[in-house]
């Protein structure tokens, strides 16, 4: 999935929580979501872009006040496209 498609899906979830859509260079907090809204969005993102391999829990240690959407989309993309570890 392309980065812009991922951002579009995230923005749809943000709108659903009564937030303001954001651009790649905006911070997540620019969406105007309250703390519960941010938690809901992060949980939805983990469902929309499930992690594979060692990247499970990839959204649990982000710096919410400072992360840009470009960084967040990058984390989602990396986590959901990385191959699982060999067994």
N, C-alpha and C. Protein backbone atom coordinates (compact mmCIF):
# COMPACT_ATOMS: atom_id res chain seq x y z
N UNK A 1 0.85 -1.18 0.00
CA UNK A 1 0.00 0.00 0.00
C UNK A 1 0.90 1.24 0.00
N UNK A 2 0.52 2.24 -0.79
CA UNK A 2 1.31 3.46 -0.88
C UNK A 2 1.09 4.33 0.36
N UNK A 3 2.08 5.19 0.62
CA UNK A 3 2.03 6.05 1.81
C UNK A 3 0.79 6.93 1.82
N UNK A 4 0.44 7.52 0.68
CA UNK A 4 -0.72 8.41 0.64
C UNK A 4 -2.02 7.64 0.90
N UNK A 5 -2.10 6.40 0.41
CA UNK A 5 -3.28 5.58 0.69
C UNK A 5 -3.39 5.30 2.18
N UNK A 6 -2.26 5.05 2.82
CA UNK A 6 -2.27 4.80 4.26
C UNK A 6 -2.73 6.06 5.00
N UNK A 7 -2.20 7.21 4.60
CA UNK A 7 -2.61 8.47 5.24
C UNK A 7 -4.10 8.71 5.04
N UNK A 8 -4.61 8.41 3.87
CA UNK A 8 -6.06 8.58 3.61
C UNK A 8 -6.89 7.71 4.55
N UNK A 9 -6.45 6.47 4.77
CA UNK A 9 -7.18 5.58 5.71
C UNK A 9 -7.12 6.13 7.14
N UNK A 10 -5.94 6.62 7.53
CA UNK A 10 -5.79 7.20 8.87
C UNK A 10 -6.68 8.43 9.01
N UNK A 11 -6.71 9.29 7.98
CA UNK A 11 -7.55 10.48 8.04
C UNK A 11 -9.03 10.13 8.12
N UNK A 12 -9.43 9.07 7.46
CA UNK A 12 -10.83 8.64 7.56
C UNK A 12 -11.15 8.26 9.01
N UNK A 13 -10.22 7.57 9.67
CA UNK A 13 -10.42 7.20 11.08
C UNK A 13 -10.41 8.45 11.96
N UNK A 14 -9.54 9.40 11.66
CA UNK A 14 -9.48 10.65 12.43
C UNK A 14 -10.80 11.41 12.29
N UNK A 15 -11.33 11.49 11.08
CA UNK A 15 -12.63 12.17 10.88
C UNK A 15 -13.74 11.48 11.65
N UNK A 16 -13.68 10.16 11.69
CA UNK A 16 -14.70 9.38 12.42
C UNK A 16 -14.69 9.73 13.91
N UNK A 17 -13.51 10.11 14.42
CA UNK A 17 -13.39 10.49 15.83
C UNK A 17 -13.51 12.00 16.03
N UNK A 18 -14.06 12.69 15.01
CA UNK A 18 -14.29 14.14 15.04
C UNK A 18 -13.00 14.97 15.06
N UNK A 19 -11.96 14.42 14.47
CA UNK A 19 -10.71 15.16 14.34
C UNK A 19 -10.61 15.82 12.98
N UNK A 20 -9.53 16.54 12.78
CA UNK A 20 -9.27 17.26 11.54
C UNK A 20 -8.23 16.48 10.74
N UNK A 21 -8.49 16.21 9.46
CA UNK A 21 -7.51 15.50 8.63
C UNK A 21 -6.16 16.21 8.63
N UNK A 22 -5.10 15.43 8.51
CA UNK A 22 -3.73 15.96 8.57
C UNK A 22 -2.96 15.60 7.30
N UNK A 23 -1.90 16.34 7.06
CA UNK A 23 -0.99 16.08 5.95
C UNK A 23 0.22 15.32 6.45
N UNK A 24 1.04 14.84 5.56
CA UNK A 24 2.22 14.06 5.92
C UNK A 24 3.16 14.80 6.88
N UNK A 25 3.31 16.10 6.70
CA UNK A 25 4.26 16.84 7.54
C UNK A 25 3.65 17.38 8.82
N UNK A 26 2.35 17.16 9.02
CA UNK A 26 1.69 17.57 10.26
C UNK A 26 1.99 16.57 11.37
N UNK A 27 1.90 17.04 12.59
CA UNK A 27 2.00 16.13 13.73
C UNK A 27 0.64 15.50 13.98
N UNK A 28 0.64 14.32 14.56
CA UNK A 28 -0.61 13.65 14.89
C UNK A 28 -1.49 14.54 15.76
N UNK A 29 -0.89 15.26 16.69
CA UNK A 29 -1.67 16.12 17.59
C UNK A 29 -2.35 17.27 16.85
N UNK A 30 -1.92 17.56 15.62
CA UNK A 30 -2.56 18.61 14.82
C UNK A 30 -3.98 18.21 14.40
N UNK A 31 -4.31 16.95 14.60
CA UNK A 31 -5.64 16.46 14.23
C UNK A 31 -6.71 16.96 15.19
N UNK A 32 -6.31 17.50 16.33
CA UNK A 32 -7.27 18.02 17.28
C UNK A 32 -7.96 16.96 18.13
N UNK A 33 -7.48 15.72 18.05
CA UNK A 33 -8.07 14.65 18.86
C UNK A 33 -7.68 14.81 20.32
N UNK A 34 -8.58 14.45 21.21
CA UNK A 34 -8.21 14.42 22.63
C UNK A 34 -7.44 13.12 22.90
N UNK A 35 -7.00 12.92 24.12
CA UNK A 35 -6.16 11.77 24.43
C UNK A 35 -6.86 10.44 24.14
N UNK A 36 -8.15 10.34 24.43
CA UNK A 36 -8.89 9.12 24.12
C UNK A 36 -8.97 8.91 22.60
N UNK A 37 -9.20 9.98 21.86
CA UNK A 37 -9.24 9.89 20.41
C UNK A 37 -7.92 9.40 19.83
N UNK A 38 -6.81 9.86 20.39
CA UNK A 38 -5.49 9.41 19.93
C UNK A 38 -5.32 7.92 20.18
N UNK A 39 -5.72 7.47 21.36
CA UNK A 39 -5.63 6.04 21.69
C UNK A 39 -6.48 5.22 20.72
N UNK A 40 -7.69 5.69 20.45
CA UNK A 40 -8.57 4.98 19.53
C UNK A 40 -7.94 4.90 18.14
N UNK A 41 -7.38 6.01 17.67
CA UNK A 41 -6.74 6.03 16.35
C UNK A 41 -5.57 5.07 16.30
N UNK A 42 -4.74 5.06 17.33
CA UNK A 42 -3.59 4.15 17.35
C UNK A 42 -4.04 2.69 17.35
N UNK A 43 -5.10 2.38 18.09
CA UNK A 43 -5.63 1.02 18.08
C UNK A 43 -6.19 0.65 16.71
N UNK A 44 -6.88 1.60 16.09
CA UNK A 44 -7.41 1.35 14.75
C UNK A 44 -6.28 1.14 13.75
N UNK A 45 -5.20 1.91 13.91
CA UNK A 45 -4.06 1.77 13.00
C UNK A 45 -3.42 0.40 13.13
N UNK A 46 -3.35 -0.12 14.34
CA UNK A 46 -2.79 -1.47 14.53
C UNK A 46 -3.66 -2.52 13.86
N UNK A 47 -4.97 -2.26 13.78
CA UNK A 47 -5.87 -3.18 13.07
C UNK A 47 -5.79 -3.00 11.56
N UNK A 48 -5.70 -1.75 11.11
CA UNK A 48 -5.64 -1.47 9.67
C UNK A 48 -4.33 -1.94 9.05
N UNK A 49 -3.25 -1.80 9.82
CA UNK A 49 -1.91 -2.13 9.32
C UNK A 49 -1.25 -3.09 10.30
N UNK A 50 -1.69 -4.34 10.33
CA UNK A 50 -1.17 -5.29 11.31
C UNK A 50 0.32 -5.56 11.10
N UNK A 51 1.02 -5.65 12.20
CA UNK A 51 2.46 -5.87 12.16
C UNK A 51 2.79 -7.33 11.94
N UNK A 52 3.91 -7.55 11.29
CA UNK A 52 4.41 -8.90 11.10
C UNK A 52 5.80 -8.99 11.72
N UNK A 53 6.22 -10.17 12.02
CA UNK A 53 7.57 -10.38 12.53
C UNK A 53 7.83 -9.69 13.85
N UNK A 54 9.02 -9.11 13.96
CA UNK A 54 9.44 -8.51 15.23
C UNK A 54 8.83 -7.14 15.48
N UNK A 55 7.98 -6.66 14.60
CA UNK A 55 7.44 -5.31 14.72
C UNK A 55 6.13 -5.23 15.49
N UNK A 56 5.68 -6.32 16.11
CA UNK A 56 4.44 -6.24 16.87
C UNK A 56 4.59 -5.22 17.98
N UNK A 57 3.54 -4.48 18.24
CA UNK A 57 3.59 -3.43 19.25
C UNK A 57 4.32 -2.18 18.78
N UNK A 58 4.44 -2.01 17.47
CA UNK A 58 5.22 -0.91 16.91
C UNK A 58 4.69 0.48 17.25
N UNK A 59 3.45 0.57 17.67
CA UNK A 59 2.90 1.88 18.02
C UNK A 59 2.88 2.14 19.52
N UNK A 60 3.37 1.20 20.30
CA UNK A 60 3.30 1.35 21.76
C UNK A 60 4.34 2.30 22.32
N UNK A 61 5.39 2.58 21.57
CA UNK A 61 6.46 3.43 22.10
C UNK A 61 6.71 4.66 21.22
N UNK A 62 5.66 5.28 20.74
CA UNK A 62 5.85 6.47 19.93
C UNK A 62 5.75 7.72 20.80
N UNK A 63 6.37 8.79 20.36
CA UNK A 63 6.34 10.08 21.05
C UNK A 63 5.14 10.87 20.49
N UNK A 64 3.97 10.63 21.05
CA UNK A 64 2.73 11.18 20.50
C UNK A 64 2.79 12.69 20.30
N UNK A 65 3.30 13.49 21.25
CA UNK A 65 3.28 14.94 21.02
C UNK A 65 4.15 15.40 19.85
N UNK A 66 5.13 14.61 19.48
CA UNK A 66 6.09 15.07 18.48
C UNK A 66 6.11 14.30 17.17
N UNK A 67 5.45 13.17 17.09
CA UNK A 67 5.55 12.36 15.87
C UNK A 67 4.77 13.00 14.72
N UNK A 68 5.41 13.03 13.55
CA UNK A 68 4.73 13.53 12.36
C UNK A 68 4.00 12.38 11.70
N UNK A 69 3.06 12.72 10.87
CA UNK A 69 2.32 11.67 10.15
C UNK A 69 3.25 10.92 9.21
N UNK A 70 4.24 11.59 8.64
CA UNK A 70 5.20 10.91 7.76
C UNK A 70 5.93 9.80 8.54
N UNK A 71 6.35 10.12 9.77
CA UNK A 71 7.02 9.12 10.60
C UNK A 71 6.06 7.99 10.98
N UNK A 72 4.85 8.36 11.33
CA UNK A 72 3.86 7.37 11.74
C UNK A 72 3.49 6.44 10.59
N UNK A 73 3.27 7.01 9.42
CA UNK A 73 2.96 6.19 8.24
C UNK A 73 4.16 5.29 7.92
N UNK A 74 5.36 5.82 8.06
CA UNK A 74 6.56 5.02 7.82
C UNK A 74 6.64 3.83 8.76
N UNK A 75 6.33 4.04 10.03
CA UNK A 75 6.33 2.94 11.00
C UNK A 75 5.28 1.89 10.63
N UNK A 76 4.10 2.35 10.25
CA UNK A 76 3.03 1.43 9.87
C UNK A 76 3.44 0.62 8.64
N UNK A 77 4.02 1.30 7.69
CA UNK A 77 4.42 0.65 6.45
C UNK A 77 5.51 -0.39 6.69
N UNK A 78 6.52 -0.02 7.46
CA UNK A 78 7.61 -0.94 7.78
C UNK A 78 7.09 -2.16 8.53
N UNK A 79 6.27 -1.92 9.54
CA UNK A 79 5.77 -3.01 10.37
C UNK A 79 4.87 -3.97 9.59
N UNK A 80 4.07 -3.43 8.67
CA UNK A 80 3.11 -4.28 7.98
C UNK A 80 3.69 -4.95 6.72
N UNK A 81 4.88 -4.55 6.31
CA UNK A 81 5.46 -5.15 5.11
C UNK A 81 6.69 -5.99 5.39
N UNK A 82 7.22 -5.94 6.60
CA UNK A 82 8.40 -6.73 6.94
C UNK A 82 8.04 -8.20 6.99
N UNK A 83 8.90 -9.05 6.45
CA UNK A 83 8.59 -10.49 6.51
C UNK A 83 8.71 -11.02 7.94
N UNK A 84 7.93 -12.02 8.27
CA UNK A 84 8.05 -12.63 9.60
C UNK A 84 9.40 -13.33 9.71
N UNK A 85 9.90 -13.49 10.93
CA UNK A 85 11.20 -14.16 11.10
C UNK A 85 11.12 -15.62 10.67
N UNK A 86 12.23 -16.13 10.18
CA UNK A 86 12.30 -17.55 9.75
C UNK A 86 12.24 -18.43 10.99
N UNK A 87 11.58 -19.56 10.84
CA UNK A 87 11.47 -20.48 11.99
C UNK A 87 12.41 -21.63 11.84
